[in-house]
């Protein structure tokens, strides 16, 4: 898994490239440029999802630990 700074760096790089592509698209309508923008948008969405997941992992711990704590709390609630 990538670190948050690595993810942010890639997001910035792709965003800058996407801006350049939009400028190019405004000058000349090109299906290949439009497709590349679409691919970059999908990759950016994936990176933002990864960024959110990593922030949650840092804040709350590993997913398995969270599930284990939730199950333990659920068992305590049922026992009470």
PDB file of N, CA and C in Angstrom:
ATOM      1  N   UNK A   1       0.845  -1.177   0.000  1.00  0.00           N
ATOM      2  CA  UNK A   1       0.000   0.000   0.000  1.00  0.00           C
ATOM      3  C   UNK A   1       0.892   1.243   0.000  1.00  0.00           C
ATOM      4  N   UNK A   2       0.473   2.241  -0.725  1.00  0.00           N
ATOM      5  CA  UNK A   2       1.236   3.481  -0.833  1.00  0.00           C
ATOM      6  C   UNK A   2       0.994   4.361   0.390  1.00  0.00           C
ATOM      7  N   UNK A   3       1.958   5.234   0.639  1.00  0.00           N
ATOM      8  CA  UNK A   3       1.787   6.198   1.724  1.00  0.00           C
ATOM      9  C   UNK A   3       0.945   7.370   1.215  1.00  0.00           C
ATOM     10  N   UNK A   4       0.404   8.135   2.141  1.00  0.00           N
ATOM     11  CA  UNK A   4      -0.423   9.287   1.766  1.00  0.00           C
ATOM     12  C   UNK A   4       0.358  10.289   0.914  1.00  0.00           C
ATOM     13  N   UNK A   5       1.609  10.627   1.264  1.00  0.00           N
ATOM     14  CA  UNK A   5       2.345  11.557   0.386  1.00  0.00           C
ATOM     15  C   UNK A   5       2.547  11.014  -1.035  1.00  0.00           C
ATOM     16  N   UNK A   6       2.770   9.720  -1.166  1.00  0.00           N
ATOM     17  CA  UNK A   6       2.921   9.123  -2.502  1.00  0.00           C
ATOM     18  C   UNK A   6       1.620   9.236  -3.291  1.00  0.00           C
ATOM     19  N   UNK A   7       0.516   8.962  -2.622  1.00  0.00           N
ATOM     20  CA  UNK A   7      -0.790   9.053  -3.281  1.00  0.00           C
ATOM     21  C   UNK A   7      -1.061  10.497  -3.692  1.00  0.00           C
ATOM     22  N   UNK A   8      -0.790  11.436  -2.794  1.00  0.00           N
ATOM     23  CA  UNK A   8      -1.027  12.850  -3.099  1.00  0.00           C
ATOM     24  C   UNK A   8      -0.165  13.324  -4.264  1.00  0.00           C
ATOM     25  N   UNK A   9       1.074  12.865  -4.311  1.00  0.00           N
ATOM     26  CA  UNK A   9       1.964  13.233  -5.410  1.00  0.00           C
ATOM     27  C   UNK A   9       1.412  12.735  -6.737  1.00  0.00           C
ATOM     28  N   UNK A  10       0.937  11.499  -6.744  1.00  0.00           N
ATOM     29  CA  UNK A  10       0.370  10.954  -7.982  1.00  0.00           C
ATOM     30  C   UNK A  10      -0.918  11.683  -8.368  1.00  0.00           C
ATOM     31  N   UNK A  11      -1.737  12.025  -7.392  1.00  0.00           N
ATOM     32  CA  UNK A  11      -2.966  12.784  -7.668  1.00  0.00           C
ATOM     33  C   UNK A  11      -2.616  14.131  -8.296  1.00  0.00           C
ATOM     34  N   UNK A  12      -1.640  14.816  -7.733  1.00  0.00           N
ATOM     35  CA  UNK A  12      -1.226  16.118  -8.273  1.00  0.00           C
ATOM     36  C   UNK A  12      -0.701  15.987  -9.697  1.00  0.00           C
ATOM     37  N   UNK A  13       0.125  14.974  -9.931  1.00  0.00           N
ATOM     38  CA  UNK A  13       0.700  14.766 -11.260  1.00  0.00           C
ATOM     39  C   UNK A  13      -0.392  14.495 -12.288  1.00  0.00           C
ATOM     40  N   UNK A  14      -1.315  13.606 -11.949  1.00  0.00           N
ATOM     41  CA  UNK A  14      -2.401  13.282 -12.873  1.00  0.00           C
ATOM     42  C   UNK A  14      -3.332  14.472 -13.088  1.00  0.00           C
ATOM     43  N   UNK A  15      -3.582  15.236 -12.045  1.00  0.00           N
ATOM     44  CA  UNK A  15      -4.451  16.410 -12.175  1.00  0.00           C
ATOM     45  C   UNK A  15      -3.836  17.448 -13.107  1.00  0.00           C
ATOM     46  N   UNK A  16      -2.535  17.650 -12.982  1.00  0.00           N
ATOM     47  CA  UNK A  16      -1.852  18.587 -13.877  1.00  0.00           C
ATOM     48  C   UNK A  16      -1.912  18.106 -15.321  1.00  0.00           C
ATOM     49  N   UNK A  17      -1.684  16.810 -15.506  1.00  0.00           N
ATOM     50  CA  UNK A  17      -1.741  16.247 -16.860  1.00  0.00           C
ATOM     51  C   UNK A  17      -3.155  16.371 -17.437  1.00  0.00           C
ATOM     52  N   UNK A  18      -4.147  16.137 -16.601  1.00  0.00           N
ATOM     53  CA  UNK A  18      -5.539  16.256 -17.047  1.00  0.00           C
ATOM     54  C   UNK A  18      -5.850  17.693 -17.469  1.00  0.00           C
ATOM     55  N   UNK A  19      -5.324  18.664 -16.729  1.00  0.00           N
ATOM     56  CA  UNK A  19      -5.510  20.074 -17.089  1.00  0.00           C
ATOM     57  C   UNK A  19      -4.913  20.358 -18.464  1.00  0.00           C
ATOM     58  N   UNK A  20      -3.726  19.828 -18.709  1.00  0.00           N
ATOM     59  CA  UNK A  20      -3.090  19.992 -20.022  1.00  0.00           C
ATOM     60  C   UNK A  20      -3.947  19.365 -21.124  1.00  0.00           C
ATOM     61  N   UNK A  21      -4.508  18.203 -20.826  1.00  0.00           N
ATOM     62  CA  UNK A  21      -5.342  17.526 -21.821  1.00  0.00           C
ATOM     63  C   UNK A  21      -6.621  18.312 -22.106  1.00  0.00           C
ATOM     64  N   UNK A  22      -7.215  18.897 -21.074  1.00  0.00           N
ATOM     65  CA  UNK A  22      -8.415  19.715 -21.296  1.00  0.00           C
ATOM     66  C   UNK A  22      -8.091  20.922 -22.169  1.00  0.00           C
ATOM     67  N   UNK A  23      -6.914  21.502 -21.950  1.00  0.00           N
ATOM     68  CA  UNK A  23      -6.485  22.625 -22.787  1.00  0.00           C
ATOM     69  C   UNK A  23      -6.339  22.170 -24.233  1.00  0.00           C
ATOM     70  N   UNK A  24      -5.712  21.025 -24.408  1.00  0.00           N
ATOM     71  CA  UNK A  24      -5.552  20.467 -25.757  1.00  0.00           C
ATOM     72  C   UNK A  24      -6.913  20.151 -26.376  1.00  0.00           C
ATOM     73  N   UNK A  25      -7.813  19.613 -25.585  1.00  0.00           N
ATOM     74  CA  UNK A  25      -9.145  19.263 -26.084  1.00  0.00           C
ATOM     75  C   UNK A  25      -9.917  20.507 -26.506  1.00  0.00           C
ATOM     76  N   UNK A  26      -9.704  21.614 -25.819  1.00  0.00           N
ATOM     77  CA  UNK A  26     -10.410  22.847 -26.185  1.00  0.00           C
ATOM     78  C   UNK A  26      -9.923  23.393 -27.530  1.00  0.00           C
ATOM     79  N   UNK A  27      -8.668  23.109 -27.861  1.00  0.00           N
ATOM     80  CA  UNK A  27      -8.126  23.568 -29.140  1.00  0.00           C
ATOM     81  C   UNK A  27      -8.514  22.644 -30.287  1.00  0.00           C
ATOM     82  N   UNK A  28      -8.558  21.361 -30.007  1.00  0.00           N
ATOM     83  CA  UNK A  28      -8.827  20.408 -31.074  1.00  0.00           C
ATOM     84  C   UNK A  28      -9.615  19.239 -30.500  1.00  0.00           C
ATOM     85  N   UNK A  29     -10.759  18.995 -31.032  1.00  0.00           N
ATOM     86  CA  UNK A  29     -11.615  17.905 -30.556  1.00  0.00           C
ATOM     87  C   UNK A  29     -11.014  16.575 -30.987  1.00  0.00           C
ATOM     88  N   UNK A  30     -10.606  15.802 -30.006  1.00  0.00           N
ATOM     89  CA  UNK A  30      -9.963  14.533 -30.308  1.00  0.00           C
ATOM     90  C   UNK A  30     -10.540  13.447 -29.403  1.00  0.00           C
ATOM     91  N   UNK A  31     -10.959  12.379 -30.017  1.00  0.00           N
ATOM     92  CA  UNK A  31     -11.520  11.266 -29.255  1.00  0.00           C
ATOM     93  C   UNK A  31     -10.450  10.612 -28.379  1.00  0.00           C
ATOM     94  N   UNK A  32      -9.224  10.542 -28.862  1.00  0.00           N
ATOM     95  CA  UNK A  32      -8.153   9.923 -28.073  1.00  0.00           C
ATOM     96  C   UNK A  32      -7.866  10.736 -26.809  1.00  0.00           C
ATOM     97  N   UNK A  33      -7.902  12.058 -26.927  1.00  0.00           N
ATOM     98  CA  UNK A  33      -7.690  12.916 -25.755  1.00  0.00           C
ATOM     99  C   UNK A  33      -8.845  12.739 -24.782  1.00  0.00           C
ATOM    100  N   UNK A  34     -10.042  12.673 -25.308  1.00  0.00           N
ATOM    101  CA  UNK A  34     -11.223  12.483 -24.464  1.00  0.00           C
ATOM    102  C   UNK A  34     -11.137  11.152 -23.704  1.00  0.00           C
ATOM    103  N   UNK A  35     -10.688  10.106 -24.379  1.00  0.00           N
ATOM    104  CA  UNK A  35     -10.537   8.801 -23.732  1.00  0.00           C
ATOM    105  C   UNK A  35      -9.446   8.838 -22.655  1.00  0.00           C
ATOM    106  N   UNK A  36      -8.360   9.541 -22.949  1.00  0.00           N
ATOM    107  CA  UNK A  36      -7.283   9.647 -21.964  1.00  0.00           C
ATOM    108  C   UNK A  36      -7.765  10.398 -20.721  1.00  0.00           C
ATOM    109  N   UNK A  37      -8.549  11.436 -20.915  1.00  0.00           N
ATOM    110  CA  UNK A  37      -9.116  12.178 -19.780  1.00  0.00           C
ATOM    111  C   UNK A  37     -10.015  11.257 -18.955  1.00  0.00           C
ATOM    112  N   UNK A  38     -10.800  10.455 -19.633  1.00  0.00           N
ATOM    113  CA  UNK A  38     -11.692   9.522 -18.934  1.00  0.00           C
ATOM    114  C   UNK A  38     -10.876   8.525 -18.102  1.00  0.00           C
ATOM    115  N   UNK A  39      -9.793   8.008 -18.671  1.00  0.00           N
ATOM    116  CA  UNK A  39      -8.935   7.071 -17.941  1.00  0.00           C
ATOM    117  C   UNK A  39      -8.293   7.745 -16.730  1.00  0.00           C
ATOM    118  N   UNK A  40      -7.859   8.979 -16.912  1.00  0.00           N
ATOM    119  CA  UNK A  40      -7.255   9.717 -15.796  1.00  0.00           C
ATOM    120  C   UNK A  40      -8.292   9.958 -14.702  1.00  0.00           C
ATOM    121  N   UNK A  41      -9.515  10.316 -15.087  1.00  0.00           N
ATOM    122  CA  UNK A  41     -10.580  10.523 -14.098  1.00  0.00           C
ATOM    123  C   UNK A  41     -10.828   9.255 -13.285  1.00  0.00           C
ATOM    124  N   UNK A  42     -10.845   8.112 -13.963  1.00  0.00           N
ATOM    125  CA  UNK A  42     -11.056   6.841 -13.265  1.00  0.00           C
ATOM    126  C   UNK A  42      -9.905   6.544 -12.314  1.00  0.00           C
ATOM    127  N   UNK A  43      -8.687   6.806 -12.772  1.00  0.00           N
ATOM    128  CA  UNK A  43      -7.508   6.582 -11.927  1.00  0.00           C
ATOM    129  C   UNK A  43      -7.519   7.535 -10.726  1.00  0.00           C
ATOM    130  N   UNK A  44      -7.903   8.782 -10.952  1.00  0.00           N
ATOM    131  CA  UNK A  44      -7.984   9.739  -9.846  1.00  0.00           C
ATOM    132  C   UNK A  44      -9.016   9.293  -8.813  1.00  0.00           C
ATOM    133  N   UNK A  45     -10.148   8.795  -9.278  1.00  0.00           N
ATOM    134  CA  UNK A  45     -11.169   8.302  -8.353  1.00  0.00           C
ATOM    135  C   UNK A  45     -10.611   7.160  -7.509  1.00  0.00           C
ATOM    136  N   UNK A  46      -9.890   6.267  -8.156  1.00  0.00           N
ATOM    137  CA  UNK A  46      -9.274   5.150  -7.456  1.00  0.00           C
ATOM    138  C   UNK A  46      -8.248   5.637  -6.426  1.00  0.00           C
ATOM    139  N   UNK A  47      -7.452   6.620  -6.805  1.00  0.00           N
ATOM    140  CA  UNK A  47      -6.453   7.164  -5.881  1.00  0.00           C
ATOM    141  C   UNK A  47      -7.107   7.847  -4.684  1.00  0.00           C
ATOM    142  N   UNK A  48      -8.193   8.590  -4.911  1.00  0.00           N
ATOM    143  CA  UNK A  48      -8.889   9.226  -3.794  1.00  0.00           C
ATOM    144  C   UNK A  48      -9.486   8.172  -2.864  1.00  0.00           C
ATOM    145  N   UNK A  49     -10.005   7.077  -3.420  1.00  0.00           N
ATOM    146  CA  UNK A  49     -10.518   5.983  -2.587  1.00  0.00           C
ATOM    147  C   UNK A  49      -9.392   5.390  -1.741  1.00  0.00           C
ATOM    148  N   UNK A  50      -8.238   5.189  -2.381  1.00  0.00           N
ATOM    149  CA  UNK A  50      -7.075   4.656  -1.673  1.00  0.00           C
ATOM    150  C   UNK A  50      -6.616   5.629  -0.580  1.00  0.00           C
ATOM    151  N   UNK A  51      -6.652   6.911  -0.876  1.00  0.00           N
ATOM    152  CA  UNK A  51      -6.265   7.953   0.084  1.00  0.00           C
ATOM    153  C   UNK A  51      -7.185   7.912   1.310  1.00  0.00           C
ATOM    154  N   UNK A  52      -8.497   7.844   1.060  1.00  0.00           N
ATOM    155  CA  UNK A  52      -9.458   7.783   2.175  1.00  0.00           C
ATOM    156  C   UNK A  52      -9.258   6.518   3.004  1.00  0.00           C
ATOM    157  N   UNK A  53      -9.029   5.397   2.348  1.00  0.00           N
ATOM    158  CA  UNK A  53      -8.830   4.133   3.060  1.00  0.00           C
ATOM    159  C   UNK A  53      -7.573   4.185   3.923  1.00  0.00           C
ATOM    160  N   UNK A  54      -6.518   4.759   3.395  1.00  0.00           N
ATOM    161  CA  UNK A  54      -5.269   4.863   4.156  1.00  0.00           C
ATOM    162  C   UNK A  54      -5.440   5.796   5.358  1.00  0.00           C
ATOM    163  N   UNK A  55      -6.135   6.911   5.166  1.00  0.00           N
ATOM    164  CA  UNK A  55      -6.387   7.814   6.299  1.00  0.00           C
ATOM    165  C   UNK A  55      -7.215   7.108   7.373  1.00  0.00           C
ATOM    166  N   UNK A  56      -8.208   6.335   6.960  1.00  0.00           N
ATOM    167  CA  UNK A  56      -9.030   5.599   7.925  1.00  0.00           C
ATOM    168  C   UNK A  56      -8.189   4.553   8.648  1.00  0.00           C
ATOM    169  N   UNK A  57      -7.310   3.885   7.909  1.00  0.00           N
ATOM    170  CA  UNK A  57      -6.454   2.872   8.527  1.00  0.00           C
ATOM    171  C   UNK A  57      -5.541   3.514   9.567  1.00  0.00           C
ATOM    172  N   UNK A  58      -4.981   4.666   9.242  1.00  0.00           N
ATOM    173  CA  UNK A  58      -4.101   5.363  10.186  1.00  0.00           C
ATOM    174  C   UNK A  58      -4.888   5.799  11.423  1.00  0.00           C
ATOM    175  N   UNK A  59      -6.087   6.297  11.206  1.00  0.00           N
ATOM    176  CA  UNK A  59      -6.878   6.824  12.320  1.00  0.00           C
ATOM    177  C   UNK A  59      -7.477   5.723  13.192  1.00  0.00           C
ATOM    178  N   UNK A  60      -8.023   4.674  12.564  1.00  0.00           N
ATOM    179  CA  UNK A  60      -8.780   3.673  13.315  1.00  0.00           C
ATOM    180  C   UNK A  60      -8.091   2.320  13.422  1.00  0.00           C
ATOM    181  N   UNK A  61      -7.019   2.097  12.673  1.00  0.00           N
ATOM    182  CA  UNK A  61      -6.321   0.818  12.717  1.00  0.00           C
ATOM    183  C   UNK A  61      -6.689  -0.058  11.534  1.00  0.00           C
ATOM    184  N   UNK A  62      -6.105  -1.231  11.535  1.00  0.00           N
ATOM    185  CA  UNK A  62      -6.356  -2.182  10.447  1.00  0.00           C
ATOM    186  C   UNK A  62      -7.814  -2.638  10.469  1.00  0.00           C
ATOM    187  N   UNK A  63      -8.323  -2.965   9.303  1.00  0.00           N
ATOM    188  CA  UNK A  63      -9.727  -3.367   9.161  1.00  0.00           C
ATOM    189  C   UNK A  63     -10.057  -4.555  10.062  1.00  0.00           C
ATOM    190  N   UNK A  64      -9.164  -5.533  10.123  1.00  0.00           N
ATOM    191  CA  UNK A  64      -9.409  -6.723  10.938  1.00  0.00           C
ATOM    192  C   UNK A  64      -9.546  -6.363  12.416  1.00  0.00           C
ATOM    193  N   UNK A  65      -8.734  -5.406  12.873  1.00  0.00           N
ATOM    194  CA  UNK A  65      -8.821  -4.963  14.269  1.00  0.00           C
ATOM    195  C   UNK A  65     -10.151  -4.264  14.545  1.00  0.00           C
ATOM    196  N   UNK A  66     -10.604  -3.466  13.594  1.00  0.00           N
ATOM    197  CA  UNK A  66     -11.881  -2.762  13.744  1.00  0.00           C
ATOM    198  C   UNK A  66     -13.020  -3.767  13.839  1.00  0.00           C
ATOM    199  N   UNK A  67     -13.008  -4.758  12.957  1.00  0.00           N
ATOM    200  CA  UNK A  67     -14.059  -5.782  12.958  1.00  0.00           C
ATOM    201  C   UNK A  67     -14.019  -6.564  14.266  1.00  0.00           C
ATOM    202  N   UNK A  68     -12.828  -6.901  14.737  1.00  0.00           N
ATOM    203  CA  UNK A  68     -12.689  -7.648  15.986  1.00  0.00           C
ATOM    204  C   UNK A  68     -13.262  -6.843  17.158  1.00  0.00           C
ATOM    205  N   UNK A  69     -12.940  -5.539  17.219  1.00  0.00           N
ATOM    206  CA  UNK A  69     -13.475  -4.698  18.298  1.00  0.00           C
ATOM    207  C   UNK A  69     -14.996  -4.581  18.216  1.00  0.00           C
ATOM    208  N   UNK A  70     -15.518  -4.434  17.004  1.00  0.00           N
ATOM    209  CA  UNK A  70     -16.971  -4.307  16.827  1.00  0.00           C
ATOM    210  C   UNK A  70     -17.676  -5.582  17.269  1.00  0.00           C
ATOM    211  N   UNK A  71     -17.106  -6.719  16.928  1.00  0.00           N
ATOM    212  CA  UNK A  71     -17.719  -7.994  17.345  1.00  0.00           C
ATOM    213  C   UNK A  71     -17.671  -8.154  18.858  1.00  0.00           C
ATOM    214  N   UNK A  72     -16.570  -7.743  19.461  1.00  0.00           N
ATOM    215  CA  UNK A  72     -16.458  -7.828  20.920  1.00  0.00           C
ATOM    216  C   UNK A  72     -17.494  -6.922  21.581  1.00  0.00           C
ATOM    217  N   UNK A  73     -17.665  -5.715  21.058  1.00  0.00           N
ATOM    218  CA  UNK A  73     -18.676  -4.798  21.599  1.00  0.00           C
ATOM    219  C   UNK A  73     -20.073  -5.373  21.422  1.00  0.00           C
ATOM    220  N   UNK A  74     -20.319  -5.997  20.282  1.00  0.00           N
ATOM    221  CA  UNK A  74     -21.623  -6.595  20.013  1.00  0.00           C
ATOM    222  C   UNK A  74     -21.905  -7.719  21.008  1.00  0.00           C
ATOM    223  N   UNK A  75     -20.891  -8.540  21.283  1.00  0.00           N
ATOM    224  CA  UNK A  75     -21.066  -9.622  22.259  1.00  0.00           C
ATOM    225  C   UNK A  75     -21.357  -9.054  23.643  1.00  0.00           C
ATOM    226  N   UNK A  76     -20.681  -7.968  24.014  1.00  0.00           N
ATOM    227  CA  UNK A  76     -20.924  -7.343  25.317  1.00  0.00           C
ATOM    228  C   UNK A  76     -22.337  -6.776  25.394  1.00  0.00           C
ATOM    229  N   UNK A  77     -22.794  -6.166  24.302  1.00  0.00           N
ATOM    230  CA  UNK A  77     -24.152  -5.613  24.276  1.00  0.00           C
ATOM    231  C   UNK A  77     -25.190  -6.718  24.429  1.00  0.00           C
ATOM    232  N   UNK A  78     -24.959  -7.840  23.767  1.00  0.00           N
ATOM    233  CA  UNK A  78     -25.921  -8.949  23.857  1.00  0.00           C
ATOM    234  C   UNK A  78     -25.908  -9.579  25.241  1.00  0.00           C
ATOM    235  N   UNK A  79     -24.751  -9.594  25.886  1.00  0.00           N
ATOM    236  CA  UNK A  79     -24.636 -10.190  27.218  1.00  0.00           C
ATOM    237  C   UNK A  79     -25.283  -9.301  28.282  1.00  0.00           C
ATOM    238  N   UNK A  80     -25.372  -8.022  28.018  1.00  0.00           N
ATOM    239  CA  UNK A  80     -25.905  -7.091  29.020  1.00  0.00           C
ATOM    240  C   UNK A  80     -27.400  -7.095  29.090  1.00  0.00           C
TER     241      UNK A  80
END
